[in-house]
Amino acid sequence: MSGVAIKLSDHFTYGRLVRFALPSIAMMIFTSIYSVVDGLFVSNFAGKEALAAVNLVFPLAMGLGSVGFMLGTGGAALVAKTMGEGEAVRANRLFSFIALAAVASGILLAAVGAVVLESVLAALGAQGSLMEQGLVYGRILVVALPLFIVQNVFLSFFIAAEKPQMGLAVTVAGGVTNIVLDYMFIAVLGWGIVGAALATAAGQFLAAAVSAVFFARSKTSRLRFTRPLADFRALGKTCVNGSSELMTEVAASVVSMLYNYQLMMIAGADGVAAYGVIMYVNFIFTAVFFGFAMGTGPVVSYHYGAKNQPELKGLFKKSMLLVGGTGAAMFAASQLLAAPLVGVFVGYDAELAAMTLHGFRIYAVAFLVCGFNIYGSAFFTALNNGKVSALISFMRTLVFETFTVMLLPIVWGIDGVWSAIIVAEACALVLTTALLVGLRKPYGYA
């Protein structure tokens, strides 16, 4: 059965669920590689101040680009539900309209980013060379922002189209392009932070362009471009459905800026560089959870639309067990691999490496918990309940983590910064559990 294509309407065993989600997990990992590879090459070939500049700019770029995650996950949930209801033509027309909305949003947000970039860097304490390098890196990423947004939208729709392997292939191609050009531009040509930004933009261009061509010309995909249905009510539903993903990314960007601010005050540019390294590793680890949630979401949406409660119950139970087991494995791996991973990024500076290693060992405790919160929020998105999904994301990433990162350092200093995520995720788990238990009967998933 391993060679048989898996359809949204299938019955999902543990093995089939994992196989269907694996391409999405790999997609998210390779998407994370864009920033990780930039940081790796910048740190080793341009120095720790350049790394700090990248880390100051990156949260703003991710915050603006989060509209792509909102339109992608929210739109895929709506379109998959529409397919489950037997309306294939309407599903394709909605998909085409959402894709156009993504392009328009990307152009608008690129203009916003160009206006606010310098003010944001100044507010975070960037001056002199740090400001100059941040502006150079940020301006290139802002120009490429529409590509980043469109790429993120198509990631979710590849899954709804029952083509997760194609989505993986596109993402791998973009990631490999980024890696190769990072080496050429930074290590060989010595372009430094400019080379990092250009390599990222090139990878995003390739992924967005190939995805658009696929949906325009494919004869086998369940989704393809057609005459758009200008249904602004459906677009609003898409935004509400995906608001948790928007909230997650925007709040994560805001919180990252708070981390950078606190660490700049406590430890200077070294603290910002250390946090950047921890975030690079965190991106890859949590990409597994985000990828699983993205990969299984359209399946949940389809069976919810088809009113198949027995399958919905099975999907929920299997997913929670898989998330819990993965979290435990990730925590163990993070402790075993912490030293070599830190060494790859900042092994050239013993003091910075020691600070980063200590912080990462504390921060990694959150891997035991965060998967449940990530999946819980995505599960409600799949059920087309964007309000509950957004509530979990808002409280988890903005309220709880903002309070902890601002308050705990008062008591514990820099260890309070590293511990903030653990306390925030624990608080979020209480909320997520309460909502999953309280809403189990209306939706029939448990």
Protein backbone atom coordinates (compact mmCIF):
# COMPACT_ATOMS: atom_id res chain seq x y z
CA MET A 1 0.00 0.00 0.00
CA SER A 2 3.00 2.33 0.39
CA GLY A 3 2.91 3.23 -3.32
CA VAL A 4 -0.84 3.94 -3.44
CA ALA A 5 -1.80 7.62 -3.42
CA ILE A 6 -3.53 8.64 -0.19
CA LYS A 7 -6.79 10.56 -0.56
CA LEU A 8 -8.52 12.88 1.92
CA SER A 9 -11.54 10.55 1.93
CA ASP A 10 -9.49 7.50 3.06
CA HIS A 11 -9.59 5.83 6.47
CA PHE A 12 -6.40 6.84 8.27
CA THR A 13 -4.35 4.39 10.32
CA TYR A 14 -1.29 5.61 12.24
CA GLY A 15 0.95 4.67 9.34
CA ARG A 16 -1.21 6.34 6.70
CA LEU A 17 -1.55 9.48 8.81
CA VAL A 18 2.22 9.75 9.25
CA ARG A 19 2.88 9.04 5.57
CA PHE A 20 0.41 11.70 4.49
CA ALA A 21 1.87 14.28 6.91
CA LEU A 22 5.55 13.54 6.23
CA PRO A 23 5.83 15.68 3.07
CA SER A 24 4.30 18.63 4.95
CA ILE A 25 6.71 18.14 7.84
CA ALA A 26 9.60 18.11 5.40
CA MET A 27 8.17 21.21 3.70
CA MET A 28 8.13 23.14 6.96
CA ILE A 29 11.65 21.99 7.82
CA PHE A 30 12.98 23.17 4.47
CA THR A 31 11.06 26.44 4.82
CA SER A 32 12.84 26.93 8.15
CA ILE A 33 16.15 26.29 6.45
CA TYR A 34 15.90 29.64 4.64
CA SER A 35 16.62 31.56 7.84
CA VAL A 36 18.81 28.88 9.42
CA VAL A 37 21.23 28.70 6.49
CA ASP A 38 21.40 32.50 6.28
CA GLY A 39 22.34 32.61 9.96
CA LEU A 40 24.89 29.82 9.62
CA PHE A 41 26.78 31.43 6.75
CA VAL A 42 26.44 34.98 8.07
CA SER A 43 27.73 33.99 11.51
CA ASN A 44 30.75 32.07 10.22
CA PHE A 45 31.73 34.34 7.32
CA ALA A 46 30.47 37.83 8.28
CA GLY A 47 30.70 37.75 12.09
CA LYS A 48 28.44 37.95 15.10
CA GLU A 49 27.37 41.58 14.55
CA ALA A 50 26.03 40.67 11.12
CA LEU A 51 24.26 37.70 12.74
CA ALA A 52 22.69 40.06 15.27
CA ALA A 53 21.50 42.31 12.41
CA VAL A 54 19.83 39.35 10.69
CA ASN A 55 18.13 38.37 13.95
CA LEU A 56 16.80 41.89 14.50
CA VAL A 57 15.25 42.05 11.01
CA PHE A 58 13.90 38.52 10.73
CA PRO A 59 10.93 38.87 13.15
CA LEU A 60 9.58 41.82 11.14
CA ALA A 61 9.84 39.91 7.85
CA MET A 62 8.10 36.89 9.38
CA GLY A 63 5.38 39.04 10.91
CA LEU A 64 4.55 40.66 7.57
CA GLY A 65 4.79 37.32 5.73
CA SER A 66 2.42 35.65 8.18
CA VAL A 67 -0.52 36.73 5.99
CA GLY A 68 0.56 33.89 3.71
CA PHE A 69 0.13 31.34 6.51
CA MET A 70 -3.29 32.84 7.33
CA LEU A 71 -4.59 32.69 3.76
CA GLY A 72 -3.00 29.28 3.16
CA THR A 73 -4.20 27.40 6.23
CA GLY A 74 -7.54 29.19 6.48
CA GLY A 75 -8.18 28.87 2.77
CA ALA A 76 -7.16 25.20 2.63
CA ALA A 77 -9.51 24.41 5.51
CA LEU A 78 -12.42 26.13 3.73
CA VAL A 79 -11.62 24.63 0.32
CA ALA A 80 -11.13 21.10 1.71
CA LYS A 81 -14.44 21.38 3.59
CA THR A 82 -16.10 22.55 0.36
CA MET A 83 -14.67 19.52 -1.47
CA GLY A 84 -15.95 17.26 1.33
CA GLU A 85 -19.41 18.71 0.72
CA GLY A 86 -19.14 17.67 -2.94
CA GLU A 87 -18.69 21.14 -4.49
CA ALA A 88 -15.49 20.66 -6.52
CA VAL A 89 -16.10 23.52 -8.98
CA ARG A 90 -16.75 26.05 -6.23
CA ALA A 91 -13.65 24.81 -4.39
CA ASN A 92 -11.44 25.56 -7.41
CA ARG A 93 -12.92 29.00 -7.93
CA LEU A 94 -12.44 29.89 -4.26
CA PHE A 95 -8.85 28.64 -4.40
CA SER A 96 -8.13 30.87 -7.40
CA PHE A 97 -9.63 33.91 -5.67
CA ILE A 98 -7.59 33.31 -2.50
CA ALA A 99 -4.40 33.06 -4.57
CA LEU A 100 -5.11 36.46 -6.15
CA ALA A 101 -5.81 37.93 -2.70
CA ALA A 102 -2.41 36.64 -1.58
CA VAL A 103 -0.60 38.47 -4.39
CA ALA A 104 -2.40 41.73 -3.62
CA SER A 105 -1.68 41.39 0.10
CA GLY A 106 1.99 40.75 -0.57
CA ILE A 107 2.40 43.93 -2.62
CA LEU A 108 0.61 46.04 0.00
CA LEU A 109 2.61 44.63 2.92
CA ALA A 110 5.90 45.08 1.08
CA ALA A 111 5.14 48.80 0.92
CA VAL A 112 4.34 48.82 4.64
CA GLY A 113 7.58 47.02 5.45
CA ALA A 114 9.66 49.50 3.46
CA VAL A 115 8.15 52.38 5.47
CA VAL A 116 8.52 50.93 9.00
CA LEU A 117 11.83 49.02 8.72
CA GLU A 118 14.19 51.72 9.97
CA SER A 119 11.87 52.76 12.82
CA VAL A 120 11.58 49.17 14.05
CA LEU A 121 15.35 48.67 14.05
CA ALA A 122 15.86 51.94 15.91
CA ALA A 123 13.28 50.96 18.55
CA LEU A 124 15.17 47.69 19.13
CA GLY A 125 18.38 49.60 19.84
CA ALA A 126 20.21 49.16 16.52
CA GLN A 127 22.84 51.83 15.87
CA GLY A 128 25.85 52.38 13.64
CA SER A 129 27.00 49.32 11.74
CA LEU A 130 24.25 47.18 13.24
CA MET A 131 21.62 49.59 11.84
CA GLU A 132 23.32 49.77 8.44
CA GLN A 133 23.51 45.99 8.02
CA GLY A 134 19.94 45.54 9.25
CA LEU A 135 18.63 48.03 6.68
CA VAL A 136 20.48 46.36 3.81
CA TYR A 137 19.23 42.89 4.75
CA GLY A 138 15.70 44.06 5.53
CA ARG A 139 15.16 46.05 2.34
CA ILE A 140 15.92 43.05 0.16
CA LEU A 141 13.59 40.79 2.18
CA VAL A 142 10.82 43.40 1.96
CA VAL A 143 11.08 43.52 -1.84
CA ALA A 144 10.79 39.72 -1.93
CA LEU A 145 7.87 39.66 0.54
CA PRO A 146 5.11 38.98 -2.07
CA LEU A 147 7.02 35.85 -3.14
CA PHE A 148 7.28 34.67 0.47
CA ILE A 149 3.56 35.17 1.04
CA VAL A 150 2.53 33.38 -2.16
CA GLN A 151 4.89 30.49 -1.39
CA ASN A 152 3.34 30.04 2.06
CA VAL A 153 -0.19 30.05 0.62
CA PHE A 154 0.62 27.30 -1.87
CA LEU A 155 2.21 25.09 0.82
CA SER A 156 -1.21 24.46 2.36
CA PHE A 157 -3.05 24.13 -0.93
CA PHE A 158 -0.70 21.42 -2.19
CA ILE A 159 -2.02 19.29 0.69
CA ALA A 160 -5.67 20.08 -0.01
CA ALA A 161 -4.99 19.19 -3.67
CA GLU A 162 -3.75 15.75 -2.51
CA LYS A 163 -0.28 16.62 -3.85
CA PRO A 164 1.85 16.94 -0.69
CA GLN A 165 4.82 15.32 -2.47
CA MET A 166 4.76 18.07 -5.10
CA GLY A 167 4.73 20.66 -2.34
CA LEU A 168 7.73 18.96 -0.77
CA ALA A 169 9.60 18.89 -4.09
CA VAL A 170 9.00 22.62 -4.64
CA THR A 171 10.09 23.48 -1.11
CA VAL A 172 13.22 21.33 -1.34
CA ALA A 173 14.11 23.02 -4.63
CA GLY A 174 13.73 26.44 -3.01
CA GLY A 175 15.73 25.37 0.04
CA VAL A 176 18.58 23.89 -1.99
CA THR A 177 18.69 27.04 -4.13
CA ASN A 178 19.00 29.11 -0.96
CA ILE A 179 21.80 26.91 0.40
CA VAL A 180 23.83 26.87 -2.82
CA LEU A 181 23.51 30.61 -3.34
CA ASP A 182 24.33 31.32 0.31
CA TYR A 183 27.59 29.44 -0.21
CA MET A 184 28.33 31.22 -3.49
CA PHE A 185 27.35 34.72 -2.41
CA ILE A 186 28.70 34.68 1.16
CA ALA A 187 31.52 32.12 1.36
CA VAL A 188 32.93 32.46 -2.18
CA LEU A 189 32.11 36.01 -3.30
CA GLY A 190 32.16 37.60 0.17
CA TRP A 191 28.93 39.55 -0.24
CA GLY A 192 28.07 39.07 3.43
CA ILE A 193 24.61 40.07 4.57
CA VAL A 194 23.60 41.19 1.06
CA GLY A 195 24.37 37.72 -0.27
CA ALA A 196 22.26 36.13 2.48
CA ALA A 197 19.23 38.25 1.59
CA LEU A 198 19.61 37.67 -2.17
CA ALA A 199 19.92 33.90 -1.66
CA THR A 200 16.74 33.85 0.43
CA ALA A 201 14.84 35.90 -2.16
CA ALA A 202 16.01 33.61 -4.98
CA GLY A 203 14.77 30.51 -3.15
CA GLN A 204 11.41 32.15 -2.52
CA PHE A 205 11.10 33.18 -6.18
CA LEU A 206 11.75 29.65 -7.41
CA ALA A 207 9.23 28.08 -5.01
CA ALA A 208 6.50 30.63 -5.77
CA ALA A 209 7.00 30.49 -9.55
CA VAL A 210 7.05 26.69 -9.83
CA SER A 211 3.96 26.42 -7.60
CA ALA A 212 2.03 28.90 -9.72
CA VAL A 213 2.94 27.05 -12.92
CA PHE A 214 1.86 23.74 -11.38
CA PHE A 215 -1.61 24.97 -10.39
CA ALA A 216 -2.03 26.65 -13.76
CA ARG A 217 -1.12 23.60 -15.89
CA SER A 218 -1.61 20.41 -13.84
CA LYS A 219 -4.12 17.88 -15.18
CA THR A 220 -4.06 15.59 -12.14
CA SER A 221 -4.40 18.01 -9.21
CA ARG A 222 -7.76 18.29 -7.42
CA LEU A 223 -7.13 22.03 -7.31
CA ARG A 224 -6.15 24.19 -10.28
CA PHE A 225 -6.50 27.81 -11.35
CA THR A 226 -9.82 28.66 -12.93
CA ARG A 227 -12.10 31.68 -13.17
CA PRO A 228 -11.97 33.18 -9.64
CA LEU A 229 -15.11 33.44 -7.56
CA ALA A 230 -14.98 36.95 -6.04
CA ASP A 231 -16.63 35.84 -2.80
CA PHE A 232 -15.47 38.32 -0.16
CA ARG A 233 -17.55 36.59 2.47
CA ALA A 234 -15.59 33.40 1.84
CA LEU A 235 -12.37 35.43 1.93
CA GLY A 236 -13.43 36.76 5.31
CA LYS A 237 -14.10 33.20 6.47
CA THR A 238 -10.66 32.25 5.20
CA CYS A 239 -9.07 35.03 7.24
CA VAL A 240 -11.02 34.04 10.35
CA ASN A 241 -10.12 30.36 9.84
CA GLY A 242 -6.45 31.22 9.45
CA SER A 243 -6.37 33.97 12.05
CA SER A 244 -4.67 31.65 14.53
CA GLU A 245 -1.77 31.12 12.14
CA LEU A 246 -1.61 34.88 11.56
CA MET A 247 -1.73 35.45 15.30
CA THR A 248 0.94 32.82 15.91
CA GLU A 249 3.38 34.39 13.46
CA VAL A 250 2.65 38.03 14.30
CA ALA A 251 2.81 37.36 18.03
CA ALA A 252 5.97 35.30 17.60
CA SER A 253 7.50 38.25 15.75
CA VAL A 254 6.49 40.70 18.48
CA VAL A 255 7.74 38.37 21.20
CA SER A 256 11.03 37.84 19.34
CA MET A 257 11.50 41.59 19.29
CA LEU A 258 10.88 41.65 23.07
CA TYR A 259 13.43 38.87 23.54
CA ASN A 260 15.93 40.85 21.46
CA TYR A 261 15.20 44.02 23.45
CA GLN A 262 15.63 42.27 26.80
CA LEU A 263 18.81 40.51 25.72
CA MET A 264 20.25 43.71 24.24
CA MET A 265 19.74 45.32 27.65
CA ILE A 266 21.17 42.37 29.62
CA ALA A 267 23.93 40.99 27.38
CA GLY A 268 24.27 43.30 24.36
CA ALA A 269 24.72 42.05 20.80
CA ASP A 270 26.05 38.70 22.10
CA GLY A 271 22.70 38.04 23.78
CA VAL A 272 20.83 38.76 20.53
CA ALA A 273 23.20 36.49 18.61
CA ALA A 274 22.73 33.68 21.18
CA TYR A 275 18.95 33.98 20.97
CA GLY A 276 19.18 33.87 17.18
CA VAL A 277 21.03 30.56 17.28
CA ILE A 278 18.47 29.10 19.70
CA MET A 279 15.69 30.26 17.39
CA TYR A 280 17.33 28.61 14.36
CA VAL A 281 17.33 25.25 16.11
CA ASN A 282 13.82 25.92 17.46
CA PHE A 283 12.54 26.63 13.93
CA ILE A 284 13.62 23.19 12.75
CA PHE A 285 12.30 21.32 15.79
CA THR A 286 8.89 23.04 15.92
CA ALA A 287 8.62 22.74 12.12
CA VAL A 288 7.82 19.08 12.79
CA PHE A 289 4.75 20.07 14.82
CA PHE A 290 3.65 22.78 12.39
CA GLY A 291 4.18 20.43 9.44
CA PHE A 292 2.14 17.66 11.06
CA ALA A 293 -0.68 20.09 11.88
CA MET A 294 -0.60 21.50 8.33
CA GLY A 295 -0.49 18.03 6.75
CA THR A 296 -3.38 16.59 8.75
CA GLY A 297 -5.56 19.73 8.77
CA PRO A 298 -7.21 19.23 5.34
CA VAL A 299 -7.95 15.60 6.29
CA VAL A 300 -9.79 16.77 9.42
CA SER A 301 -11.59 19.46 7.40
CA TYR A 302 -12.69 16.95 4.75
CA HIS A 303 -14.15 14.46 7.22
CA TYR A 304 -15.75 17.25 9.23
CA GLY A 305 -17.42 18.50 6.03
CA ALA A 306 -18.47 14.93 5.19
CA LYS A 307 -19.89 14.50 8.75
CA ASN A 308 -17.78 11.37 9.29
CA GLN A 309 -17.54 11.45 13.10
CA PRO A 310 -15.93 8.00 13.61
CA GLU A 311 -13.01 8.99 11.37
CA LEU A 312 -12.80 12.39 13.08
CA LYS A 313 -12.49 10.69 16.48
CA GLY A 314 -9.76 8.40 15.19
CA LEU A 315 -7.82 11.28 13.66
CA PHE A 316 -7.91 13.27 16.89
CA LYS A 317 -6.80 10.39 19.12
CA LYS A 318 -4.00 9.27 16.82
CA SER A 319 -2.75 12.81 16.32
CA MET A 320 -2.55 13.58 20.04
CA LEU A 321 -0.59 10.40 20.73
CA LEU A 322 1.82 11.11 17.87
CA VAL A 323 2.34 14.70 19.05
CA GLY A 324 3.09 13.59 22.61
CA GLY A 325 5.60 10.97 21.53
CA THR A 326 7.30 13.37 19.14
CA GLY A 327 7.63 16.02 21.86
CA ALA A 328 9.40 13.60 24.20
CA ALA A 329 11.76 12.48 21.42
CA MET A 330 12.54 16.10 20.52
CA PHE A 331 13.41 17.02 24.08
CA ALA A 332 15.81 14.08 24.35
CA ALA A 333 17.39 14.91 20.99
CA SER A 334 17.76 18.58 21.88
CA GLN A 335 19.75 17.76 25.02
CA LEU A 336 22.01 15.29 23.20
CA LEU A 337 22.63 17.53 20.17
CA ALA A 338 22.79 20.91 21.92
CA ALA A 339 26.59 21.21 22.06
CA PRO A 340 27.35 20.23 18.44
CA LEU A 341 24.51 22.39 17.09
CA VAL A 342 25.71 25.44 18.99
CA GLY A 343 29.27 24.75 17.88
CA VAL A 344 28.27 24.82 14.22
CA PHE A 345 26.91 28.36 14.56
CA VAL A 346 29.18 30.11 17.08
CA GLY A 347 32.01 27.69 17.82
CA TYR A 348 34.49 30.45 16.92
CA ASP A 349 33.61 32.40 20.11
CA ALA A 350 33.90 30.35 23.35
CA GLU A 351 32.07 32.85 25.55
CA LEU A 352 29.16 33.26 23.12
CA ALA A 353 28.97 29.48 22.62
CA ALA A 354 28.77 28.87 26.39
CA MET A 355 25.96 31.43 26.77
CA THR A 356 24.05 29.92 23.84
CA LEU A 357 24.44 26.33 25.06
CA HIS A 358 23.22 27.17 28.57
CA GLY A 359 20.21 29.06 27.19
CA PHE A 360 19.27 26.35 24.71
CA ARG A 361 19.29 23.56 27.32
CA ILE A 362 16.76 25.54 29.37
CA TYR A 363 14.66 26.68 26.39
CA ALA A 364 14.39 23.12 24.99
CA VAL A 365 12.23 21.94 27.92
CA ALA A 366 9.32 23.64 26.09
CA PHE A 367 9.47 20.95 23.36
CA LEU A 368 7.71 18.60 25.79
CA VAL A 369 4.62 20.81 25.78
CA CYS A 370 4.46 23.09 22.75
CA GLY A 371 3.34 20.42 20.26
CA PHE A 372 -0.02 20.00 22.01
CA ASN A 373 -0.67 23.75 21.82
CA ILE A 374 0.38 24.00 18.17
CA TYR A 375 -1.77 21.04 17.16
CA GLY A 376 -4.73 22.14 19.31
CA SER A 377 -4.87 25.52 17.60
CA ALA A 378 -4.49 23.99 14.12
CA PHE A 379 -7.16 21.38 14.89
CA PHE A 380 -9.77 24.08 15.48
CA THR A 381 -8.67 25.83 12.28
CA ALA A 382 -9.35 22.55 10.46
CA LEU A 383 -12.80 22.45 12.05
CA ASN A 384 -13.37 25.94 10.59
CA ASN A 385 -13.54 27.45 14.09
CA GLY A 386 -11.07 30.26 13.62
CA LYS A 387 -12.13 32.10 16.77
CA VAL A 388 -11.15 29.31 19.17
CA SER A 389 -8.00 28.62 17.19
CA ALA A 390 -7.04 32.30 17.33
CA LEU A 391 -7.75 32.43 21.07
CA ILE A 392 -5.25 29.65 21.73
CA SER A 393 -2.63 31.30 19.53
CA PHE A 394 -3.24 34.77 20.94
CA MET A 395 -2.95 33.66 24.55
CA ARG A 396 -0.04 31.28 23.90
CA THR A 397 2.24 33.48 21.85
CA LEU A 398 1.29 37.03 22.73
CA VAL A 399 -0.23 37.20 26.20
CA PHE A 400 1.55 34.41 28.12
CA GLU A 401 4.95 34.76 26.48
CA THR A 402 4.93 38.57 26.57
CA PHE A 403 4.27 38.54 30.30
CA THR A 404 6.87 35.89 31.04
CA VAL A 405 9.65 37.41 28.93
CA MET A 406 9.10 40.82 30.52
CA LEU A 407 8.65 39.65 34.14
CA LEU A 408 10.89 36.62 34.68
CA PRO A 409 14.17 38.43 33.87
CA ILE A 410 13.45 40.80 36.76
CA VAL A 411 13.81 37.83 39.12
CA TRP A 412 16.22 35.48 37.30
CA GLY A 413 18.15 37.75 34.94
CA ILE A 414 19.14 36.14 31.65
CA ASP A 415 17.89 32.71 32.85
CA GLY A 416 14.47 34.32 33.12
CA VAL A 417 14.63 35.09 29.39
CA TRP A 418 15.46 31.47 28.53
CA SER A 419 12.75 30.14 30.91
CA ALA A 420 9.96 32.39 29.65
CA ILE A 421 8.89 29.99 26.90
CA ILE A 422 8.51 27.08 29.34
CA VAL A 423 6.13 28.94 31.66
CA ALA A 424 4.18 30.39 28.72
CA GLU A 425 3.70 26.98 27.05
CA ALA A 426 2.58 25.42 30.35
CA CYS A 427 -0.07 28.12 30.78
CA ALA A 428 -1.18 27.65 27.18
CA LEU A 429 -1.49 23.89 27.68
CA VAL A 430 -4.04 24.44 30.46
CA LEU A 431 -6.12 26.63 28.12
CA THR A 432 -5.80 24.27 25.15
CA THR A 433 -6.81 21.26 27.22
CA ALA A 434 -9.85 23.06 28.62
CA LEU A 435 -11.04 24.05 25.13
CA LEU A 436 -10.46 20.59 23.62
CA VAL A 437 -12.40 18.96 26.46
CA GLY A 438 -15.16 21.58 26.51
CA LEU A 439 -15.86 21.46 22.76
CA ARG A 440 -15.50 17.72 22.17
CA LYS A 441 -19.25 16.98 22.08
CA PRO A 442 -20.41 19.70 19.62
CA TYR A 443 -17.79 18.60 17.08
CA GLY A 444 -17.87 14.90 17.90
CA TYR A 445 -14.11 14.29 17.82
CA ALA A 446 -13.90 12.61 21.25
